[in-house]
């Protein structure tokens, strides 16, 4: 299937206001490019949450490729377990199936 998403790698970038991280973005490159996701304004304890969300989103292209490789590696193998099922489910979700 042809991918329709912005190809990775994706990077986490943040905007600093008054020397504090204020907003986390996932972008094509660390210094900008296409914005993939805006993880929101951060205040207090939300800094950690928004940064963690941004890092998880930025890992998605790598996780997607890893799941595809795992399933492809085991396609000819008769063994089908919950790990492969989970990987297939993740791929289908990413591909909008």
Protein backbone atom coordinates (compact mmCIF):
# COMPACT_ATOMS: atom_id res chain seq x y z
CA UNK A 1 0.00 0.00 0.00
CA UNK A 2 1.28 3.45 -0.90
CA UNK A 3 1.81 5.55 2.20
CA UNK A 4 -0.09 8.81 2.28
CA UNK A 5 1.43 10.16 5.47
CA UNK A 6 4.46 12.38 5.87
CA UNK A 7 7.48 10.11 5.77
CA UNK A 8 9.70 9.90 8.83
CA UNK A 9 11.81 10.40 10.67
CA UNK A 10 9.74 12.79 12.74
CA UNK A 11 11.30 14.99 15.40
CA UNK A 12 10.11 16.61 18.61
CA UNK A 13 10.43 20.39 18.70
CA UNK A 14 9.33 22.80 21.36
CA UNK A 15 8.72 26.51 21.63
CA UNK A 16 10.27 28.21 24.63
CA UNK A 17 8.64 31.19 26.32
CA UNK A 18 10.53 32.78 29.20
CA UNK A 19 13.13 29.95 29.09
CA UNK A 20 10.47 27.26 29.77
CA UNK A 21 9.16 24.74 27.25
CA UNK A 22 5.68 25.91 26.42
CA UNK A 23 4.42 23.93 23.43
CA UNK A 24 5.56 20.63 21.93
CA UNK A 25 5.27 19.87 18.23
CA UNK A 26 6.12 16.86 16.12
CA UNK A 27 7.69 18.03 12.87
CA UNK A 28 9.57 16.73 9.85
CA UNK A 29 12.80 18.08 11.27
CA UNK A 30 13.93 19.40 14.64
CA UNK A 31 13.87 22.98 13.38
CA UNK A 32 10.56 22.99 11.56
CA UNK A 33 9.18 21.77 8.30
CA UNK A 34 5.71 20.29 8.11
CA UNK A 35 3.98 20.07 11.47
CA UNK A 36 2.78 16.53 12.12
CA UNK A 37 1.15 17.14 15.50
CA UNK A 38 0.67 19.91 18.03
CA UNK A 39 0.71 18.39 21.50
CA UNK A 40 -0.66 21.50 23.14
CA UNK A 41 0.31 24.27 25.48
CA UNK A 42 2.20 23.17 28.57
CA UNK A 43 1.84 24.51 32.06
CA UNK A 44 3.33 22.98 35.16
CA UNK A 45 2.96 19.19 35.21
CA UNK A 46 1.64 19.10 31.63
CA UNK A 47 5.17 19.67 30.30
CA UNK A 48 6.08 16.06 30.99
CA UNK A 49 2.80 14.73 29.58
CA UNK A 50 2.93 16.81 26.40
CA UNK A 51 6.59 16.01 25.81
CA UNK A 52 5.91 12.26 26.31
CA UNK A 53 2.97 12.44 23.88
CA UNK A 54 5.14 14.22 21.32
CA UNK A 55 7.90 11.61 21.65
CA UNK A 56 5.41 8.77 21.22
CA UNK A 57 3.93 10.36 18.10
CA UNK A 58 7.42 11.01 16.70
CA UNK A 59 8.22 7.30 17.08
CA UNK A 60 5.21 6.24 14.98
CA UNK A 61 6.97 5.94 11.59
CA UNK A 62 9.63 3.70 13.16
CA UNK A 63 7.04 1.61 15.00
CA UNK A 64 4.98 1.25 11.81
CA UNK A 65 8.00 0.03 9.81
CA UNK A 66 9.00 -2.36 12.61
CA UNK A 67 5.51 -3.89 12.69
CA UNK A 68 5.48 -4.30 8.91
CA UNK A 69 8.91 -5.98 9.00
CA UNK A 70 7.81 -8.31 11.80
CA UNK A 71 4.68 -9.39 9.95
CA UNK A 72 6.54 -9.78 6.64
CA UNK A 73 9.25 -11.87 8.32
CA UNK A 74 6.65 -14.26 9.74
CA UNK A 75 4.17 -14.32 6.83
CA UNK A 76 5.42 -17.65 5.51
CA UNK A 77 5.66 -19.12 9.00
CA UNK A 78 2.64 -21.08 10.18
CA UNK A 79 3.06 -19.65 13.67
CA UNK A 80 0.58 -16.87 14.28
CA UNK A 81 0.53 -15.56 17.81
CA UNK A 82 -0.80 -12.57 19.68
CA UNK A 83 2.31 -10.49 18.91
CA UNK A 84 1.78 -10.86 15.18
CA UNK A 85 -1.94 -10.25 15.59
CA UNK A 86 -1.18 -7.04 17.50
CA UNK A 87 1.31 -5.94 14.85
CA UNK A 88 -1.24 -6.57 12.09
CA UNK A 89 -3.87 -4.62 14.03
CA UNK A 90 -1.47 -1.69 14.42
CA UNK A 91 -0.65 -1.72 10.71
CA UNK A 92 -4.32 -1.82 9.76
CA UNK A 93 -5.06 1.06 12.12
CA UNK A 94 -2.21 3.10 10.64
CA UNK A 95 -3.45 2.36 7.10
CA UNK A 96 -7.04 3.28 7.93
CA UNK A 97 -8.47 -0.22 7.55
